[in-house]
Amino acid sequence: MKTFQYDAATEVDDAVARLAQDEHAMVLGGGTNLVDLMKLGVSSPSTLIDVTRLPLHDIEIIADGSLRIGAAVTNSDLAVHPVVRQRYPVLSRAVLSGASGQLRNMATTGGNLFQRTRCVYFMDSSKPCNKREPGSGCPARTGEHRNLAILGASQACVATHPSDMAVALSALDARIVVRGVGGERVLAIDDFFRLPGDEPERDNTVARDEIVTAIEIPKPADTAVSTYRKVRDRQSYAFAIASVAAVLDVEDGIVRGVAVALGGVAHKPWRAHTAEHALLGTAAEEASFRRAMALELDAAEPLRDNAFKIPLVINLVARTLVELVESSATKEMGDRS
């Protein structure tokens, strides 16, 4: 690990100003990903600006009914917060699916959004990687890619985004609040993350002098149900081969509202807009779910060793939505009693 300067910011504007002054400075939250990358020589910041002391630790309901989550809230605190567990079970379950309890105690909500891919070529500084060194190539395309992207990839990069939490936030239409030298702006989560294109080194659209200060999640419909399911190679502490965050609103057996986001299949949480559009107004049954997901995955471009993800994702989403239909019926019966 290369030497670096450490600074602790106590005000948001102070952190932003320090970032603006040093193009090689980086923000440090829990450090659960960044410190590993520094040890591996993948990341070499000149300065770490510790933002864990900033006043961004609150979880609160704001005027429009949305839930506002401070960027410094730990993953553990987020997962067990009563409003999150009651209103947004998909988010609670996604967070609890990621990492170990010890890491969730350290990891921050804002930092979780900035996780880097665990593609083996990116993590190994002795190997070429367009994401780490633009223009050096993408050996994953012909090498080890079993757990890499089947959607939205490019010739430059087939890496996948590792966050479970971000997949749930995508299904919940979260908004990301960022602050920079030019002031504050709010990004829809689908605009926050980006696909690789010919600039795979850029995971998101945040400027280098901006920091995330909060995440806002709209209040869901009272009749909506949600959940998160994840397929991985082992039960404990493994990144997703594929995952789904789903929110479903069913009335009289008909899909009135649906949001499906996929993890483990793209450079960013993949919102299944094609499938959602196909499902609206249709019967809430497994055959419909399978047809819709087959349409979504028509766009898939698997590599030699990861085509298995296509039937895996169809099965995973279909069974998850069936589970939510059953949950919806149970909830409706409970509301009537």
C-alpha atoms as a PDB file:
ATOM      1  CA  MET A   1       0.000   0.000   0.000  1.00  0.00           C
ATOM      2  CA  LYS A   2       1.300   3.430  -0.944  1.00  0.00           C
ATOM      3  CA  THR A   3       1.519   6.142   1.691  1.00  0.00           C
ATOM      4  CA  PHE A   4      -1.340   8.619   1.900  1.00  0.00           C
ATOM      5  CA  GLN A   5      -2.566  11.554   3.953  1.00  0.00           C
ATOM      6  CA  TYR A   6      -5.557  11.129   6.263  1.00  0.00           C
ATOM      7  CA  ASP A   7      -7.998  13.943   7.011  1.00  0.00           C
ATOM      8  CA  ALA A   8     -11.263  13.861   8.944  1.00  0.00           C
ATOM      9  CA  ALA A   9     -13.998  16.183   7.735  1.00  0.00           C
ATOM     10  CA  THR A  10     -16.582  17.516  10.171  1.00  0.00           C
ATOM     11  CA  GLU A  11     -18.755  19.453   7.717  1.00  0.00           C
ATOM     12  CA  VAL A  12     -20.099  18.404   4.322  1.00  0.00           C
ATOM     13  CA  ASP A  13     -18.864  21.549   2.587  1.00  0.00           C
ATOM     14  CA  ASP A  14     -15.428  21.002   4.121  1.00  0.00           C
ATOM     15  CA  ALA A  15     -15.267  17.482   2.647  1.00  0.00           C
ATOM     16  CA  VAL A  16     -16.381  18.777  -0.749  1.00  0.00           C
ATOM     17  CA  ALA A  17     -13.784  21.557  -0.723  1.00  0.00           C
ATOM     18  CA  ARG A  18     -10.991  19.120   0.101  1.00  0.00           C
ATOM     19  CA  LEU A  19     -12.037  16.831  -2.736  1.00  0.00           C
ATOM     20  CA  ALA A  20     -12.036  19.749  -5.136  1.00  0.00           C
ATOM     21  CA  GLN A  21      -8.516  20.767  -4.092  1.00  0.00           C
ATOM     22  CA  ASP A  22      -6.895  17.361  -4.658  1.00  0.00           C
ATOM     23  CA  GLU A  23      -7.789  15.344  -7.763  1.00  0.00           C
ATOM     24  CA  HIS A  24      -6.299  12.204  -6.203  1.00  0.00           C
ATOM     25  CA  ALA A  25      -8.198  12.451  -2.904  1.00  0.00           C
ATOM     26  CA  MET A  26     -10.924   9.929  -2.081  1.00  0.00           C
ATOM     27  CA  VAL A  27     -13.726   9.732   0.453  1.00  0.00           C
ATOM     28  CA  LEU A  28     -13.447   7.147   3.244  1.00  0.00           C
ATOM     29  CA  GLY A  29     -16.582   5.783   4.888  1.00  0.00           C
ATOM     30  CA  GLY A  30     -16.419   2.361   6.511  1.00  0.00           C
ATOM     31  CA  GLY A  31     -13.498   1.458   4.251  1.00  0.00           C
ATOM     32  CA  THR A  32     -14.722  -2.108   3.772  1.00  0.00           C
ATOM     33  CA  ASN A  33     -14.017  -2.029   0.024  1.00  0.00           C
ATOM     34  CA  LEU A  34     -11.639   0.883  -0.509  1.00  0.00           C
ATOM     35  CA  VAL A  35      -9.031  -0.280   2.009  1.00  0.00           C
ATOM     36  CA  ASP A  36      -8.926  -3.706   0.359  1.00  0.00           C
ATOM     37  CA  LEU A  37      -8.375  -2.062  -3.030  1.00  0.00           C
ATOM     38  CA  MET A  38      -5.565   0.016  -1.578  1.00  0.00           C
ATOM     39  CA  LYS A  39      -3.883  -3.081  -0.142  1.00  0.00           C
ATOM     40  CA  LEU A  40      -4.083  -4.752  -3.549  1.00  0.00           C
ATOM     41  CA  GLY A  41      -2.630  -1.740  -5.331  1.00  0.00           C
ATOM     42  CA  VAL A  42      -5.829  -1.253  -7.323  1.00  0.00           C
ATOM     43  CA  SER A  43      -6.498   2.153  -5.775  1.00  0.00           C
ATOM     44  CA  SER A  44      -3.818   4.626  -4.639  1.00  0.00           C
ATOM     45  CA  PRO A  45      -5.393   7.837  -3.304  1.00  0.00           C
ATOM     46  CA  SER A  46      -3.117  10.639  -2.204  1.00  0.00           C
ATOM     47  CA  THR A  47      -5.508  11.589   0.606  1.00  0.00           C
ATOM     48  CA  LEU A  48      -8.347   9.848   2.410  1.00  0.00           C
ATOM     49  CA  ILE A  49     -11.068  12.193   3.615  1.00  0.00           C
ATOM     50  CA  ASP A  50     -12.912  10.479   6.455  1.00  0.00           C
ATOM     51  CA  VAL A  51     -16.614  11.409   6.247  1.00  0.00           C
ATOM     52  CA  THR A  52     -17.938   9.195   9.047  1.00  0.00           C
ATOM     53  CA  ARG A  53     -18.084  12.170  11.422  1.00  0.00           C
ATOM     54  CA  LEU A  54     -20.352  14.189   9.164  1.00  0.00           C
ATOM     55  CA  PRO A  55     -23.920  14.772  10.455  1.00  0.00           C
ATOM     56  CA  LEU A  56     -25.394  12.189   8.082  1.00  0.00           C
ATOM     57  CA  HIS A  57     -26.450   9.434  10.503  1.00  0.00           C
ATOM     58  CA  ASP A  58     -30.230   9.961  10.596  1.00  0.00           C
ATOM     59  CA  ILE A  59     -33.075   7.920   9.129  1.00  0.00           C
ATOM     60  CA  GLU A  60     -36.257   9.977   8.956  1.00  0.00           C
ATOM     61  CA  ILE A  61     -39.560  10.366   7.133  1.00  0.00           C
ATOM     62  CA  ILE A  62     -39.619  13.679   5.282  1.00  0.00           C
ATOM     63  CA  ALA A  63     -42.513  15.950   4.273  1.00  0.00           C
ATOM     64  CA  ASP A  64     -43.572  14.073   1.127  1.00  0.00           C
ATOM     65  CA  GLY A  65     -43.673  10.741   2.994  1.00  0.00           C
ATOM     66  CA  SER A  66     -40.359   9.524   1.572  1.00  0.00           C
ATOM     67  CA  LEU A  67     -37.753   7.911   3.780  1.00  0.00           C
ATOM     68  CA  ARG A  68     -34.471   9.835   3.924  1.00  0.00           C
ATOM     69  CA  ILE A  69     -31.387   7.828   4.859  1.00  0.00           C
ATOM     70  CA  GLY A  70     -28.189   9.650   5.759  1.00  0.00           C
ATOM     71  CA  ALA A  71     -25.124   8.498   3.845  1.00  0.00           C
ATOM     72  CA  ALA A  72     -23.236   7.672   7.061  1.00  0.00           C
ATOM     73  CA  VAL A  73     -25.905   5.268   8.366  1.00  0.00           C
ATOM     74  CA  THR A  74     -24.335   1.837   8.734  1.00  0.00           C
ATOM     75  CA  ASN A  75     -25.725  -1.105   6.812  1.00  0.00           C
ATOM     76  CA  SER A  76     -26.552  -2.849  10.091  1.00  0.00           C
ATOM     77  CA  ASP A  77     -28.583   0.090  11.382  1.00  0.00           C
ATOM     78  CA  LEU A  78     -30.358   0.445   8.053  1.00  0.00           C
ATOM     79  CA  ALA A  79     -31.386  -3.213   7.871  1.00  0.00           C
ATOM     80  CA  VAL A  80     -32.990  -3.315  11.328  1.00  0.00           C
ATOM     81  CA  HIS A  81     -34.642   0.113  11.332  1.00  0.00           C
ATOM     82  CA  PRO A  82     -38.362  -0.437  12.046  1.00  0.00           C
ATOM     83  CA  VAL A  83     -39.594   1.754   9.169  1.00  0.00           C
ATOM     84  CA  VAL A  84     -37.292  -0.029   6.729  1.00  0.00           C
ATOM     85  CA  ARG A  85     -38.413  -3.462   7.936  1.00  0.00           C
ATOM     86  CA  GLN A  86     -42.100  -2.527   7.789  1.00  0.00           C
ATOM     87  CA  ARG A  87     -42.298  -0.433   4.604  1.00  0.00           C
ATOM     88  CA  TYR A  88     -39.337  -1.709   2.604  1.00  0.00           C
ATOM     89  CA  PRO A  89     -38.652  -5.368   3.447  1.00  0.00           C
ATOM     90  CA  VAL A  90     -36.913  -5.712   0.075  1.00  0.00           C
ATOM     91  CA  LEU A  91     -34.251  -3.270   1.266  1.00  0.00           C
ATOM     92  CA  SER A  92     -33.794  -4.854   4.689  1.00  0.00           C
ATOM     93  CA  ARG A  93     -33.413  -8.312   3.154  1.00  0.00           C
ATOM     94  CA  ALA A  94     -31.009  -7.086   0.495  1.00  0.00           C
ATOM     95  CA  VAL A  95     -28.727  -5.459   3.053  1.00  0.00           C
ATOM     96  CA  LEU A  96     -28.771  -8.560   5.263  1.00  0.00           C
ATOM     97  CA  SER A  97     -27.839 -10.646   2.209  1.00  0.00           C
ATOM     98  CA  GLY A  98     -24.593  -8.748   1.772  1.00  0.00           C
ATOM     99  CA  ALA A  99     -21.310  -9.375   3.555  1.00  0.00           C
ATOM    100  CA  SER A 100     -20.944 -10.472   7.170  1.00  0.00           C
ATOM    101  CA  GLY A 101     -22.355  -8.919  10.316  1.00  0.00           C
ATOM    102  CA  GLN A 102     -18.974  -7.407  11.156  1.00  0.00           C
ATOM    103  CA  LEU A 103     -18.694  -5.751   7.745  1.00  0.00           C
ATOM    104  CA  ARG A 104     -22.283  -4.477   7.870  1.00  0.00           C
ATOM    105  CA  ASN A 105     -21.433  -2.836  11.195  1.00  0.00           C
ATOM    106  CA  MET A 106     -18.698  -0.851   9.430  1.00  0.00           C
ATOM    107  CA  ALA A 107     -20.078  -0.309   5.917  1.00  0.00           C
ATOM    108  CA  THR A 108     -22.047   2.877   5.285  1.00  0.00           C
ATOM    109  CA  THR A 109     -25.119   3.364   3.138  1.00  0.00           C
ATOM    110  CA  GLY A 110     -23.402   5.963   0.970  1.00  0.00           C
ATOM    111  CA  GLY A 111     -20.248   3.914   0.640  1.00  0.00           C
ATOM    112  CA  ASN A 112     -22.211   0.843  -0.410  1.00  0.00           C
ATOM    113  CA  LEU A 113     -23.207   2.642  -3.609  1.00  0.00           C
ATOM    114  CA  PHE A 114     -19.554   3.079  -4.559  1.00  0.00           C
ATOM    115  CA  GLN A 115     -18.480  -0.542  -4.286  1.00  0.00           C
ATOM    116  CA  ARG A 116     -16.217  -1.601  -7.138  1.00  0.00           C
ATOM    117  CA  THR A 117     -16.628  -4.783  -9.111  1.00  0.00           C
ATOM    118  CA  ARG A 118     -15.094  -8.011  -7.840  1.00  0.00           C
ATOM    119  CA  CYS A 119     -14.087  -9.116 -11.350  1.00  0.00           C
ATOM    120  CA  VAL A 120     -10.829 -11.021 -10.796  1.00  0.00           C
ATOM    121  CA  TYR A 121      -9.020  -9.040 -13.499  1.00  0.00           C
ATOM    122  CA  PHE A 122      -9.961  -5.723 -11.914  1.00  0.00           C
ATOM    123  CA  MET A 123      -8.840  -6.912  -8.477  1.00  0.00           C
ATOM    124  CA  ASP A 124      -5.461  -8.171  -9.741  1.00  0.00           C
ATOM    125  CA  SER A 125      -3.217  -5.205 -10.532  1.00  0.00           C
ATOM    126  CA  SER A 126      -0.833  -7.462 -12.452  1.00  0.00           C
ATOM    127  CA  LYS A 127      -3.508  -8.118 -15.109  1.00  0.00           C
ATOM    128  CA  PRO A 128      -4.827  -5.779 -17.822  1.00  0.00           C
ATOM    129  CA  CYS A 129      -8.254  -4.286 -17.138  1.00  0.00           C
ATOM    130  CA  ASN A 130     -10.022  -1.433 -18.920  1.00  0.00           C
ATOM    131  CA  LYS A 131     -11.858  -0.513 -15.731  1.00  0.00           C
ATOM    132  CA  ARG A 132      -8.622  -0.134 -13.805  1.00  0.00           C
ATOM    133  CA  GLU A 133      -6.386   1.026 -16.687  1.00  0.00           C
ATOM    134  CA  PRO A 134      -8.436   2.346 -19.624  1.00  0.00           C
ATOM    135  CA  GLY A 135      -7.247   0.980 -22.940  1.00  0.00           C
ATOM    136  CA  SER A 136      -5.395  -2.014 -21.486  1.00  0.00           C
ATOM    137  CA  GLY A 137      -8.018  -4.555 -22.578  1.00  0.00           C
ATOM    138  CA  CYS A 138     -10.662  -6.853 -21.089  1.00  0.00           C
ATOM    139  CA  PRO A 139      -9.264 -10.382 -20.668  1.00  0.00           C
ATOM    140  CA  ALA A 140     -12.478 -11.430 -18.923  1.00  0.00           C
ATOM    141  CA  ARG A 141     -14.273 -11.698 -22.249  1.00  0.00           C
ATOM    142  CA  THR A 142     -12.248 -14.801 -23.162  1.00  0.00           C
ATOM    143  CA  GLY A 143     -11.051 -15.696 -19.674  1.00  0.00           C
ATOM    144  CA  GLU A 144     -12.842 -16.117 -16.334  1.00  0.00           C
ATOM    145  CA  HIS A 145     -16.330 -14.653 -16.768  1.00  0.00           C
ATOM    146  CA  ARG A 146     -18.767 -17.181 -15.262  1.00  0.00           C
ATOM    147  CA  ASN A 147     -20.107 -14.602 -12.837  1.00  0.00           C
ATOM    148  CA  LEU A 148     -19.935 -11.564 -15.100  1.00  0.00           C
ATOM    149  CA  ALA A 149     -22.463  -9.581 -17.134  1.00  0.00           C
ATOM    150  CA  ILE A 150     -25.015 -10.836 -19.631  1.00  0.00           C
ATOM    151  CA  LEU A 151     -26.848  -7.493 -20.010  1.00  0.00           C
ATOM    152  CA  GLY A 152     -25.641  -4.018 -20.947  1.00  0.00           C
ATOM    153  CA  ALA A 153     -21.988  -4.978 -21.302  1.00  0.00           C
ATOM    154  CA  SER A 154     -19.594  -3.624 -23.930  1.00  0.00           C
ATOM    155  CA  GLN A 155     -16.464  -4.737 -25.733  1.00  0.00           C
ATOM    156  CA  ALA A 156     -14.539  -2.747 -23.132  1.00  0.00           C
ATOM    157  CA  CYS A 157     -16.003  -4.351 -19.993  1.00  0.00           C
ATOM    158  CA  VAL A 158     -18.233  -7.206 -18.818  1.00  0.00           C
ATOM    159  CA  ALA A 159     -17.945  -6.534 -15.074  1.00  0.00           C
ATOM    160  CA  THR A 160     -20.932  -6.678 -12.736  1.00  0.00           C
ATOM    161  CA  HIS A 161     -21.926  -4.363  -9.912  1.00  0.00           C
ATOM    162  CA  PRO A 162     -21.562  -6.145  -6.543  1.00  0.00           C
ATOM    163  CA  SER A 163     -24.024  -4.306  -4.274  1.00  0.00           C
ATOM    164  CA  ASP A 164     -27.155  -6.058  -2.992  1.00  0.00           C
ATOM    165  CA  MET A 165     -28.476  -2.863  -1.438  1.00  0.00           C
ATOM    166  CA  ALA A 166     -28.288  -0.961  -4.723  1.00  0.00           C
ATOM    167  CA  VAL A 167     -30.479  -3.559  -6.459  1.00  0.00           C
ATOM    168  CA  ALA A 168     -33.204  -3.042  -3.865  1.00  0.00           C
ATOM    169  CA  LEU A 169     -32.878   0.731  -4.139  1.00  0.00           C
ATOM    170  CA  SER A 170     -33.322   0.443  -7.902  1.00  0.00           C
ATOM    171  CA  ALA A 171     -36.607  -1.440  -7.494  1.00  0.00           C
ATOM    172  CA  LEU A 172     -37.734   1.211  -4.992  1.00  0.00           C
ATOM    173  CA  ASP A 173     -37.040   4.136  -7.374  1.00  0.00           C
ATOM    174  CA  ALA A 174     -34.627   5.660  -4.885  1.00  0.00           C
ATOM    175  CA  ARG A 175     -33.161   9.127  -5.332  1.00  0.00           C
ATOM    176  CA  ILE A 176     -29.516   9.864  -4.543  1.00  0.00           C
ATOM    177  CA  VAL A 177     -28.737  13.269  -3.025  1.00  0.00           C
ATOM    178  CA  VAL A 178     -25.243  14.566  -3.799  1.00  0.00           C
ATOM    179  CA  ARG A 179     -23.437  17.750  -2.764  1.00  0.00           C
ATOM    180  CA  GLY A 180     -20.569  19.354  -4.643  1.00  0.00           C
ATOM    181  CA  VAL A 181     -18.874  22.688  -5.132  1.00  0.00           C
ATOM    182  CA  GLY A 182     -21.759  23.733  -7.360  1.00  0.00           C
ATOM    183  CA  GLY A 183     -24.375  22.887  -4.734  1.00  0.00           C
ATOM    184  CA  GLU A 184     -26.816  20.021  -4.221  1.00  0.00           C
ATOM    185  CA  ARG A 185     -28.530  17.895  -6.850  1.00  0.00           C
ATOM    186  CA  VAL A 186     -30.746  14.811  -6.786  1.00  0.00           C
ATOM    187  CA  LEU A 187     -30.267  11.869  -9.134  1.00  0.00           C
ATOM    188  CA  ALA A 188     -32.687   9.063  -9.889  1.00  0.00           C
ATOM    189  CA  ILE A 189     -30.833   5.874  -9.048  1.00  0.00           C
ATOM    190  CA  ASP A 190     -31.049   4.704 -12.651  1.00  0.00           C
ATOM    191  CA  ASP A 191     -29.190   7.895 -13.620  1.00  0.00           C
ATOM    192  CA  PHE A 192     -26.701   7.557 -10.765  1.00  0.00           C
ATOM    193  CA  PHE A 193     -25.206   4.293 -12.052  1.00  0.00           C
ATOM    194  CA  ARG A 194     -24.015   3.855 -15.627  1.00  0.00           C
ATOM    195  CA  LEU A 195     -23.284   1.077 -18.098  1.00  0.00           C
ATOM    196  CA  PRO A 196     -19.656   0.626 -19.186  1.00  0.00           C
ATOM    197  CA  GLY A 197     -19.765   1.762 -22.823  1.00  0.00           C
ATOM    198  CA  ASP A 198     -16.261   2.818 -23.776  1.00  0.00           C
ATOM    199  CA  GLU A 199     -15.577   4.335 -20.327  1.00  0.00           C
ATOM    200  CA  PRO A 200     -15.822   1.357 -17.962  1.00  0.00           C
ATOM    201  CA  GLU A 201     -13.656   3.125 -15.389  1.00  0.00           C
ATOM    202  CA  ARG A 202     -16.700   5.284 -14.574  1.00  0.00           C
ATOM    203  CA  ASP A 203     -19.160   3.376 -12.376  1.00  0.00           C
ATOM    204  CA  ASN A 204     -21.491   6.322 -11.803  1.00  0.00           C
ATOM    205  CA  THR A 205     -22.282   9.893 -12.814  1.00  0.00           C
ATOM    206  CA  VAL A 206     -21.069  11.588  -9.639  1.00  0.00           C
ATOM    207  CA  ALA A 207     -18.456  14.277 -10.228  1.00  0.00           C
ATOM    208  CA  ARG A 208     -15.140  13.804  -8.464  1.00  0.00           C
ATOM    209  CA  ASP A 209     -15.808  16.819  -6.192  1.00  0.00           C
ATOM    210  CA  GLU A 210     -19.233  15.544  -5.110  1.00  0.00           C
ATOM    211  CA  ILE A 211     -20.227  13.316  -2.213  1.00  0.00           C
ATOM    212  CA  VAL A 212     -23.450  11.466  -1.502  1.00  0.00           C
ATOM    213  CA  THR A 213     -25.239  12.931   1.501  1.00  0.00           C
ATOM    214  CA  ALA A 214     -28.500  10.963   1.540  1.00  0.00           C
ATOM    215  CA  ILE A 215     -30.743   8.450  -0.175  1.00  0.00           C
ATOM    216  CA  GLU A 216     -34.478   9.130  -0.468  1.00  0.00           C
ATOM    217  CA  ILE A 217     -37.019   6.384  -1.079  1.00  0.00           C
ATOM    218  CA  PRO A 218     -40.623   7.182  -2.037  1.00  0.00           C
ATOM    219  CA  LYS A 219     -43.393   5.785   0.133  1.00  0.00           C
ATOM    220  CA  PRO A 220     -44.712   2.565  -1.453  1.00  0.00           C
ATOM    221  CA  ALA A 221     -48.373   1.878  -2.170  1.00  0.00           C
ATOM    222  CA  ASP A 222     -50.142   0.513   0.903  1.00  0.00           C
ATOM    223  CA  THR A 223     -51.078  -2.631  -1.019  1.00  0.00           C
ATOM    224  CA  ALA A 224     -47.575  -3.315  -2.378  1.00  0.00           C
ATOM    225  CA  VAL A 225     -45.424  -6.211  -1.194  1.00  0.00           C
ATOM    226  CA  SER A 226     -41.702  -6.640  -1.781  1.00  0.00           C
ATOM    227  CA  THR A 227     -38.785  -8.986  -1.264  1.00  0.00           C
ATOM    228  CA  TYR A 228     -35.200  -9.749  -2.279  1.00  0.00           C
ATOM    229  CA  ARG A 229     -33.804 -13.099  -3.339  1.00  0.00           C
ATOM    230  CA  LYS A 230     -30.208 -13.947  -4.135  1.00  0.00           C
ATOM    231  CA  VAL A 231     -28.497 -16.909  -5.774  1.00  0.00           C
ATOM    232  CA  ARG A 232     -24.870 -17.427  -4.748  1.00  0.00           C
ATOM    233  CA  ASP A 233     -22.275 -20.168  -4.677  1.00  0.00           C
ATOM    234  CA  ARG A 234     -22.428 -20.477  -0.904  1.00  0.00           C
ATOM    235  CA  GLN A 235     -24.919 -19.342   1.708  1.00  0.00           C
ATOM    236  CA  SER A 236     -22.556 -17.157   3.684  1.00  0.00           C
ATOM    237  CA  TYR A 237     -20.762 -14.036   2.487  1.00  0.00           C
ATOM    238  CA  ALA A 238     -20.762 -14.435  -1.286  1.00  0.00           C
ATOM    239  CA  PHE A 239     -21.589 -12.051  -4.103  1.00  0.00           C
ATOM    240  CA  ALA A 240     -24.646 -12.725  -6.228  1.00  0.00           C
ATOM    241  CA  ILE A 241     -24.538 -14.927  -9.286  1.00  0.00           C
ATOM    242  CA  ALA A 242     -27.961 -13.413  -9.838  1.00  0.00           C
ATOM    243  CA  SER A 243     -30.406 -11.609  -7.590  1.00  0.00           C
ATOM    244  CA  VAL A 244     -33.781  -9.934  -7.806  1.00  0.00           C
ATOM    245  CA  ALA A 245     -35.451  -7.117  -5.905  1.00  0.00           C
ATOM    246  CA  ALA A 246     -39.162  -7.070  -6.622  1.00  0.00           C
ATOM    247  CA  VAL A 247     -42.084  -4.850  -5.630  1.00  0.00           C
ATOM    248  CA  LEU A 248     -45.549  -6.037  -6.626  1.00  0.00           C
ATOM    249  CA  ASP A 249     -49.041  -4.574  -6.346  1.00  0.00           C
ATOM    250  CA  VAL A 250     -51.848  -6.985  -7.235  1.00  0.00           C
ATOM    251  CA  GLU A 251     -55.569  -6.225  -7.285  1.00  0.00           C
ATOM    252  CA  ASP A 252     -58.171  -8.907  -8.052  1.00  0.00           C
ATOM    253  CA  GLY A 253     -55.485 -11.152  -9.494  1.00  0.00           C
ATOM    254  CA  ILE A 254     -54.207  -8.471 -11.906  1.00  0.00           C
ATOM    255  CA  VAL A 255     -50.797  -6.785 -11.795  1.00  0.00           C
ATOM    256  CA  ARG A 256     -51.453  -3.100 -11.078  1.00  0.00           C
ATOM    257  CA  GLY A 257     -47.878  -2.162 -10.270  1.00  0.00           C
ATOM    258  CA  VAL A 258     -44.534  -3.929 -10.517  1.00  0.00           C
ATOM    259  CA  ALA A 259     -40.841  -3.130 -10.207  1.00  0.00           C
ATOM    260  CA  VAL A 260     -38.123  -5.688 -10.878  1.00  0.00           C
ATOM    261  CA  ALA A 261     -34.393  -5.003 -10.525  1.00  0.00           C
ATOM    262  CA  LEU A 262     -31.686  -7.566 -11.180  1.00  0.00           C
ATOM    263  CA  GLY A 263     -28.255  -7.951  -9.625  1.00  0.00           C
ATOM    264  CA  GLY A 264     -25.252  -9.955 -10.750  1.00  0.00           C
ATOM    265  CA  VAL A 265     -26.069  -9.548 -14.443  1.00  0.00           C
ATOM    266  CA  ALA A 266     -24.872  -6.069 -15.439  1.00  0.00           C
ATOM    267  CA  HIS A 267     -22.447  -3.227 -14.739  1.00  0.00           C
ATOM    268  CA  LYS A 268     -25.224  -1.566 -12.719  1.00  0.00           C
ATOM    269  CA  PRO A 269     -28.424  -2.739 -11.019  1.00  0.00           C
ATOM    270  CA  TRP A 270     -30.530  -3.733 -14.020  1.00  0.00           C
ATOM    271  CA  ARG A 271     -34.083  -2.417 -13.947  1.00  0.00           C
ATOM    272  CA  ALA A 272     -36.264  -4.810 -15.965  1.00  0.00           C
ATOM    273  CA  HIS A 273     -38.391  -2.166 -17.696  1.00  0.00           C
ATOM    274  CA  THR A 274     -39.343  -4.412 -20.616  1.00  0.00           C
ATOM    275  CA  ALA A 275     -40.678  -7.099 -18.281  1.00  0.00           C
ATOM    276  CA  GLU A 276     -42.492  -4.564 -16.115  1.00  0.00           C
ATOM    277  CA  HIS A 277     -44.263  -3.051 -19.107  1.00  0.00           C
ATOM    278  CA  ALA A 278     -45.285  -6.514 -20.318  1.00  0.00           C
ATOM    279  CA  LEU A 279     -46.711  -7.445 -16.912  1.00  0.00           C
ATOM    280  CA  LEU A 280     -48.893  -4.412 -16.217  1.00  0.00           C
ATOM    281  CA  GLY A 281     -52.562  -5.324 -16.526  1.00  0.00           C
ATOM    282  CA  THR A 282     -51.893  -9.059 -16.921  1.00  0.00           C
ATOM    283  CA  ALA A 283     -52.832 -11.977 -14.702  1.00  0.00           C
ATOM    284  CA  ALA A 284     -50.533 -12.310 -11.706  1.00  0.00           C
ATOM    285  CA  GLU A 285     -49.457 -15.866 -12.428  1.00  0.00           C
ATOM    286  CA  GLU A 286     -46.221 -17.717 -13.052  1.00  0.00           C
ATOM    287  CA  ALA A 287     -46.715 -18.152 -16.800  1.00  0.00           C
ATOM    288  CA  SER A 288     -47.054 -14.385 -17.242  1.00  0.00           C
ATOM    289  CA  PHE A 289     -43.974 -13.774 -15.143  1.00  0.00           C
ATOM    290  CA  ARG A 290     -41.913 -16.210 -17.207  1.00  0.00           C
ATOM    291  CA  ARG A 291     -43.033 -14.716 -20.507  1.00  0.00           C
ATOM    292  CA  ALA A 292     -42.214 -11.210 -19.341  1.00  0.00           C
ATOM    293  CA  MET A 293     -38.747 -12.153 -18.157  1.00  0.00           C
ATOM    294  CA  ALA A 294     -38.044 -14.032 -21.380  1.00  0.00           C
ATOM    295  CA  LEU A 295     -38.795 -10.779 -23.214  1.00  0.00           C
ATOM    296  CA  GLU A 296     -36.449  -8.904 -20.893  1.00  0.00           C
ATOM    297  CA  LEU A 297     -33.631 -11.358 -21.493  1.00  0.00           C
ATOM    298  CA  ASP A 298     -33.956 -11.222 -25.266  1.00  0.00           C
ATOM    299  CA  ALA A 299     -31.375  -8.458 -24.923  1.00  0.00           C
ATOM    300  CA  ALA A 300     -28.893 -10.716 -23.112  1.00  0.00           C
ATOM    301  CA  GLU A 301     -25.499 -11.307 -24.739  1.00  0.00           C
ATOM    302  CA  PRO A 302     -23.917 -14.081 -22.685  1.00  0.00           C
ATOM    303  CA  LEU A 303     -20.319 -15.146 -23.036  1.00  0.00           C
ATOM    304  CA  ARG A 304     -18.960 -18.682 -23.280  1.00  0.00           C
ATOM    305  CA  ASP A 305     -19.498 -19.657 -19.630  1.00  0.00           C
ATOM    306  CA  ASN A 306     -22.380 -17.553 -18.317  1.00  0.00           C
ATOM    307  CA  ALA A 307     -25.361 -18.319 -20.575  1.00  0.00           C
ATOM    308  CA  PHE A 308     -26.742 -20.364 -17.671  1.00  0.00           C
ATOM    309  CA  LYS A 309     -27.724 -17.051 -16.081  1.00  0.00           C
ATOM    310  CA  ILE A 310     -30.571 -16.596 -18.574  1.00  0.00           C
ATOM    311  CA  PRO A 311     -32.753 -19.526 -17.397  1.00  0.00           C
ATOM    312  CA  LEU A 312     -31.532 -18.937 -13.845  1.00  0.00           C
ATOM    313  CA  VAL A 313     -32.821 -15.353 -13.845  1.00  0.00           C
ATOM    314  CA  ILE A 314     -36.138 -16.317 -15.451  1.00  0.00           C
ATOM    315  CA  ASN A 315     -36.703 -18.999 -12.811  1.00  0.00           C
ATOM    316  CA  LEU A 316     -35.549 -16.749  -9.974  1.00  0.00           C
ATOM    317  CA  VAL A 317     -37.804 -13.834 -10.901  1.00  0.00           C
ATOM    318  CA  ALA A 318     -40.827 -15.999 -11.686  1.00  0.00           C
ATOM    319  CA  ARG A 319     -40.674 -17.831  -8.363  1.00  0.00           C
ATOM    320  CA  THR A 320     -40.048 -14.595  -6.471  1.00  0.00           C
ATOM    321  CA  LEU A 321     -43.102 -12.925  -8.012  1.00  0.00           C
ATOM    322  CA  VAL A 322     -45.215 -16.005  -7.287  1.00  0.00           C
ATOM    323  CA  GLU A 323     -44.092 -15.726  -3.680  1.00  0.00           C
ATOM    324  CA  LEU A 324     -45.137 -12.086  -3.642  1.00  0.00           C
ATOM    325  CA  VAL A 325     -48.570 -12.902  -5.087  1.00  0.00           C
ATOM    326  CA  GLU A 326     -49.072 -15.303  -2.190  1.00  0.00           C
ATOM    327  CA  SER A 327     -47.849 -12.647   0.259  1.00  0.00           C
ATOM    328  CA  SER A 328     -50.219 -10.124  -1.264  1.00  0.00           C
ATOM    329  CA  ALA A 329     -53.171 -12.462  -0.795  1.00  0.00           C
ATOM    330  CA  THR A 330     -52.200 -13.083   2.815  1.00  0.00           C
ATOM    331  CA  LYS A 331     -51.815  -9.367   3.439  1.00  0.00           C
ATOM    332  CA  GLU A 332     -55.212  -8.639   1.872  1.00  0.00           C
ATOM    333  CA  MET A 333     -56.904 -11.243   4.060  1.00  0.00           C
ATOM    334  CA  GLY A 334     -55.215  -9.748   7.104  1.00  0.00           C
ATOM    335  CA  ASP A 335     -56.386  -6.255   6.207  1.00  0.00           C
ATOM    336  CA  ARG A 336     -59.985  -7.456   5.856  1.00  0.00           C
ATOM    337  CA  SER A 337     -60.042  -9.320   9.179  1.00  0.00           C
END
